[in-house]
Amino acid sequence: MKSTDTKFARWYALREKGLLRFVLVQGVLQWGFGTAVLWLAIMAIFAGDGFNVIAAAPTALVIFPLGGVAFGFLMWFALDSISNRG
């Protein structure tokens, strides 16, 4: 079993950089834009000719990153809570 310090070493390093940076990088950039691009690709493959990627991209590139803000905050507080218990 890993010690708590080793187990949460990555979290502690991210935490040192601050909440705002975590939300922007982990939430908006990684989760938000990553999910938007993945969703657009999946829709283009499975929805067929009825799906216009060019028309859907602006909406996806706004909605998913906004969800990424919520995701980032939720993950910050969840990881912080878990690491304090650990």
N, C-alpha and C. Protein backbone atom coordinates (compact mmCIF):
# COMPACT_ATOMS: atom_id res chain seq x y z
N MET A 1 0.84 -1.18 0.00
CA MET A 1 0.00 0.00 0.00
C MET A 1 0.88 1.25 0.00
N LYS A 2 0.55 2.20 -0.83
CA LYS A 2 1.33 3.43 -0.90
C LYS A 2 1.04 4.31 0.31
N SER A 3 2.06 5.04 0.71
CA SER A 3 1.84 5.99 1.80
C SER A 3 1.01 7.16 1.28
N THR A 4 0.38 7.89 2.18
CA THR A 4 -0.46 9.02 1.80
C THR A 4 0.33 10.06 1.03
N ASP A 5 1.56 10.33 1.46
CA ASP A 5 2.37 11.34 0.77
C ASP A 5 2.66 10.95 -0.66
N THR A 6 2.99 9.71 -0.90
CA THR A 6 3.27 9.24 -2.26
C THR A 6 1.99 9.20 -3.08
N LYS A 7 0.93 8.74 -2.47
CA LYS A 7 -0.36 8.60 -3.15
C LYS A 7 -0.88 9.94 -3.66
N PHE A 8 -0.69 10.98 -2.88
CA PHE A 8 -1.21 12.29 -3.24
C PHE A 8 -0.15 13.27 -3.70
N ALA A 9 1.03 12.81 -4.04
CA ALA A 9 2.12 13.69 -4.43
C ALA A 9 1.75 14.57 -5.63
N ARG A 10 1.10 13.99 -6.63
CA ARG A 10 0.70 14.77 -7.81
C ARG A 10 -0.33 15.82 -7.42
N TRP A 11 -1.28 15.44 -6.57
CA TRP A 11 -2.30 16.39 -6.13
C TRP A 11 -1.65 17.56 -5.37
N TYR A 12 -0.71 17.25 -4.47
CA TYR A 12 -0.07 18.31 -3.70
C TYR A 12 0.70 19.27 -4.62
N ALA A 13 1.32 18.74 -5.64
CA ALA A 13 2.04 19.59 -6.61
C ALA A 13 1.06 20.50 -7.36
N LEU A 14 -0.08 19.95 -7.77
CA LEU A 14 -1.10 20.76 -8.46
C LEU A 14 -1.70 21.79 -7.51
N ARG A 15 -1.92 21.39 -6.28
CA ARG A 15 -2.52 22.27 -5.28
C ARG A 15 -1.64 23.48 -5.00
N GLU A 16 -0.34 23.29 -5.02
CA GLU A 16 0.59 24.39 -4.77
C GLU A 16 0.45 25.51 -5.81
N LYS A 17 0.02 25.17 -7.01
CA LYS A 17 -0.11 26.15 -8.09
C LYS A 17 -1.38 26.97 -7.98
N GLY A 18 -2.33 26.54 -7.15
CA GLY A 18 -3.52 27.34 -6.88
C GLY A 18 -4.78 26.85 -7.56
N LEU A 19 -5.89 27.29 -6.98
CA LEU A 19 -7.22 26.91 -7.45
C LEU A 19 -7.50 27.39 -8.87
N LEU A 20 -7.23 28.66 -9.15
CA LEU A 20 -7.54 29.21 -10.46
C LEU A 20 -6.81 28.47 -11.57
N ARG A 21 -5.53 28.24 -11.38
CA ARG A 21 -4.76 27.51 -12.39
C ARG A 21 -5.30 26.09 -12.57
N PHE A 22 -5.64 25.43 -11.47
CA PHE A 22 -6.19 24.07 -11.53
C PHE A 22 -7.48 24.06 -12.34
N VAL A 23 -8.38 24.98 -12.04
CA VAL A 23 -9.66 25.03 -12.75
C VAL A 23 -9.45 25.31 -14.23
N LEU A 24 -8.56 26.25 -14.54
CA LEU A 24 -8.33 26.59 -15.95
C LEU A 24 -7.65 25.46 -16.72
N VAL A 25 -6.62 24.87 -16.13
CA VAL A 25 -5.86 23.84 -16.85
C VAL A 25 -6.59 22.50 -16.84
N GLN A 26 -6.92 22.00 -15.64
CA GLN A 26 -7.54 20.68 -15.53
C GLN A 26 -9.00 20.69 -15.98
N GLY A 27 -9.71 21.75 -15.61
CA GLY A 27 -11.13 21.81 -15.92
C GLY A 27 -11.41 22.29 -17.33
N VAL A 28 -11.02 23.52 -17.63
CA VAL A 28 -11.37 24.14 -18.91
C VAL A 28 -10.57 23.55 -20.07
N LEU A 29 -9.25 23.56 -19.95
CA LEU A 29 -8.43 23.09 -21.08
C LEU A 29 -8.49 21.59 -21.28
N GLN A 30 -8.19 20.84 -20.22
CA GLN A 30 -8.13 19.39 -20.40
C GLN A 30 -9.51 18.76 -20.52
N TRP A 31 -10.38 19.00 -19.54
CA TRP A 31 -11.69 18.35 -19.58
C TRP A 31 -12.62 19.04 -20.58
N GLY A 32 -12.73 20.36 -20.51
CA GLY A 32 -13.68 21.09 -21.35
C GLY A 32 -13.39 20.99 -22.84
N PHE A 33 -12.21 21.41 -23.24
CA PHE A 33 -11.87 21.37 -24.67
C PHE A 33 -11.67 19.94 -25.15
N GLY A 34 -11.08 19.11 -24.31
CA GLY A 34 -10.91 17.70 -24.69
C GLY A 34 -12.23 17.00 -24.94
N THR A 35 -13.19 17.23 -24.06
CA THR A 35 -14.51 16.63 -24.23
C THR A 35 -15.23 17.21 -25.44
N ALA A 36 -15.09 18.49 -25.68
CA ALA A 36 -15.71 19.12 -26.85
C ALA A 36 -15.20 18.50 -28.15
N VAL A 37 -13.90 18.36 -28.24
CA VAL A 37 -13.31 17.78 -29.46
C VAL A 37 -13.73 16.31 -29.61
N LEU A 38 -13.70 15.58 -28.52
CA LEU A 38 -14.11 14.18 -28.56
C LEU A 38 -15.59 14.05 -28.95
N TRP A 39 -16.45 14.89 -28.39
CA TRP A 39 -17.88 14.87 -28.71
C TRP A 39 -18.10 15.19 -30.19
N LEU A 40 -17.41 16.20 -30.69
CA LEU A 40 -17.54 16.55 -32.11
C LEU A 40 -17.11 15.39 -33.00
N ALA A 41 -16.01 14.73 -32.66
CA ALA A 41 -15.53 13.59 -33.45
C ALA A 41 -16.53 12.43 -33.42
N ILE A 42 -17.04 12.12 -32.24
CA ILE A 42 -18.01 11.02 -32.12
C ILE A 42 -19.28 11.34 -32.89
N MET A 43 -19.75 12.56 -32.76
CA MET A 43 -20.97 12.95 -33.49
C MET A 43 -20.75 12.90 -35.00
N ALA A 44 -19.58 13.32 -35.45
CA ALA A 44 -19.28 13.29 -36.89
C ALA A 44 -19.26 11.86 -37.41
N ILE A 45 -18.76 10.94 -36.59
CA ILE A 45 -18.67 9.54 -37.02
C ILE A 45 -20.03 8.86 -37.00
N PHE A 46 -20.77 9.03 -35.91
CA PHE A 46 -21.99 8.24 -35.72
C PHE A 46 -23.28 8.92 -36.16
N ALA A 47 -23.30 10.24 -36.27
CA ALA A 47 -24.54 10.92 -36.65
C ALA A 47 -24.72 10.99 -38.16
N GLY A 48 -23.67 10.73 -38.88
CA GLY A 48 -23.77 10.71 -40.34
C GLY A 48 -23.84 12.10 -40.95
N ASP A 49 -24.47 12.16 -42.10
CA ASP A 49 -24.51 13.41 -42.87
C ASP A 49 -25.40 14.47 -42.25
N GLY A 50 -26.25 14.09 -41.31
CA GLY A 50 -27.16 15.05 -40.70
C GLY A 50 -26.49 15.95 -39.68
N PHE A 51 -25.25 15.68 -39.34
CA PHE A 51 -24.55 16.47 -38.33
C PHE A 51 -23.51 17.36 -39.00
N ASN A 52 -23.61 18.66 -38.78
CA ASN A 52 -22.68 19.63 -39.34
C ASN A 52 -21.66 20.02 -38.27
N VAL A 53 -20.45 19.49 -38.38
CA VAL A 53 -19.40 19.74 -37.40
C VAL A 53 -19.06 21.23 -37.32
N ILE A 54 -18.99 21.88 -38.46
CA ILE A 54 -18.63 23.30 -38.49
C ILE A 54 -19.66 24.15 -37.75
N ALA A 55 -20.93 23.81 -37.91
CA ALA A 55 -21.99 24.57 -37.23
C ALA A 55 -22.04 24.26 -35.74
N ALA A 56 -21.72 23.03 -35.35
CA ALA A 56 -21.80 22.62 -33.95
C ALA A 56 -20.56 23.00 -33.15
N ALA A 57 -19.43 23.19 -33.80
CA ALA A 57 -18.17 23.44 -33.10
C ALA A 57 -18.20 24.67 -32.18
N PRO A 58 -18.69 25.82 -32.64
CA PRO A 58 -18.68 26.98 -31.73
C PRO A 58 -19.47 26.74 -30.44
N THR A 59 -20.62 26.09 -30.56
CA THR A 59 -21.43 25.80 -29.37
C THR A 59 -20.71 24.83 -28.46
N ALA A 60 -20.15 23.77 -29.03
CA ALA A 60 -19.45 22.77 -28.23
C ALA A 60 -18.22 23.37 -27.55
N LEU A 61 -17.53 24.26 -28.25
CA LEU A 61 -16.32 24.87 -27.70
C LEU A 61 -16.61 25.96 -26.68
N VAL A 62 -17.89 26.25 -26.44
CA VAL A 62 -18.29 27.15 -25.36
C VAL A 62 -18.92 26.35 -24.22
N ILE A 63 -19.85 25.48 -24.54
CA ILE A 63 -20.61 24.74 -23.52
C ILE A 63 -19.71 23.80 -22.71
N PHE A 64 -18.91 22.99 -23.38
CA PHE A 64 -18.07 22.02 -22.66
C PHE A 64 -17.02 22.70 -21.77
N PRO A 65 -16.32 23.74 -22.23
CA PRO A 65 -15.40 24.42 -21.31
C PRO A 65 -16.10 25.07 -20.11
N LEU A 66 -17.33 25.56 -20.30
CA LEU A 66 -18.07 26.08 -19.16
C LEU A 66 -18.37 24.96 -18.17
N GLY A 67 -18.70 23.78 -18.69
CA GLY A 67 -18.85 22.61 -17.82
C GLY A 67 -17.53 22.25 -17.17
N GLY A 68 -16.43 22.52 -17.86
CA GLY A 68 -15.11 22.26 -17.31
C GLY A 68 -14.79 23.12 -16.10
N VAL A 69 -15.38 24.33 -16.05
CA VAL A 69 -15.21 25.18 -14.87
C VAL A 69 -15.82 24.47 -13.66
N ALA A 70 -17.05 24.00 -13.84
CA ALA A 70 -17.73 23.27 -12.75
C ALA A 70 -16.95 22.00 -12.40
N PHE A 71 -16.50 21.27 -13.41
CA PHE A 71 -15.72 20.05 -13.18
C PHE A 71 -14.46 20.37 -12.39
N GLY A 72 -13.76 21.43 -12.77
CA GLY A 72 -12.52 21.82 -12.10
C GLY A 72 -12.75 22.14 -10.62
N PHE A 73 -13.79 22.92 -10.34
CA PHE A 73 -14.09 23.26 -8.95
C PHE A 73 -14.47 22.01 -8.15
N LEU A 74 -15.33 21.17 -8.73
CA LEU A 74 -15.74 19.95 -8.03
C LEU A 74 -14.54 19.05 -7.74
N MET A 75 -13.66 18.88 -8.72
CA MET A 75 -12.48 18.04 -8.52
C MET A 75 -11.54 18.64 -7.48
N TRP A 76 -11.36 19.95 -7.50
CA TRP A 76 -10.49 20.60 -6.53
C TRP A 76 -10.96 20.29 -5.11
N PHE A 77 -12.24 20.53 -4.85
CA PHE A 77 -12.75 20.33 -3.50
C PHE A 77 -12.84 18.86 -3.13
N ALA A 78 -13.13 17.99 -4.08
CA ALA A 78 -13.16 16.55 -3.80
C ALA A 78 -11.76 16.04 -3.47
N LEU A 79 -10.78 16.39 -4.28
CA LEU A 79 -9.40 15.95 -4.03
C LEU A 79 -8.86 16.54 -2.74
N ASP A 80 -9.20 17.78 -2.47
CA ASP A 80 -8.75 18.42 -1.25
C ASP A 80 -9.35 17.71 -0.03
N SER A 81 -10.61 17.36 -0.11
CA SER A 81 -11.28 16.66 0.98
C SER A 81 -10.67 15.27 1.20
N ILE A 82 -10.46 14.55 0.11
CA ILE A 82 -9.89 13.20 0.20
C ILE A 82 -8.47 13.25 0.76
N SER A 83 -7.67 14.22 0.29
CA SER A 83 -6.28 14.29 0.76
C SER A 83 -6.19 14.69 2.23
N ASN A 84 -7.15 15.45 2.71
CA ASN A 84 -7.15 15.83 4.13
C ASN A 84 -7.55 14.68 5.03
N ARG A 85 -8.34 13.74 4.49
CA ARG A 85 -8.73 12.56 5.26
C ARG A 85 -7.64 11.51 5.27
N GLY A 86 -6.88 11.45 4.11
CA GLY A 86 -5.89 10.41 3.90
C GLY A 86 -4.81 10.40 4.91
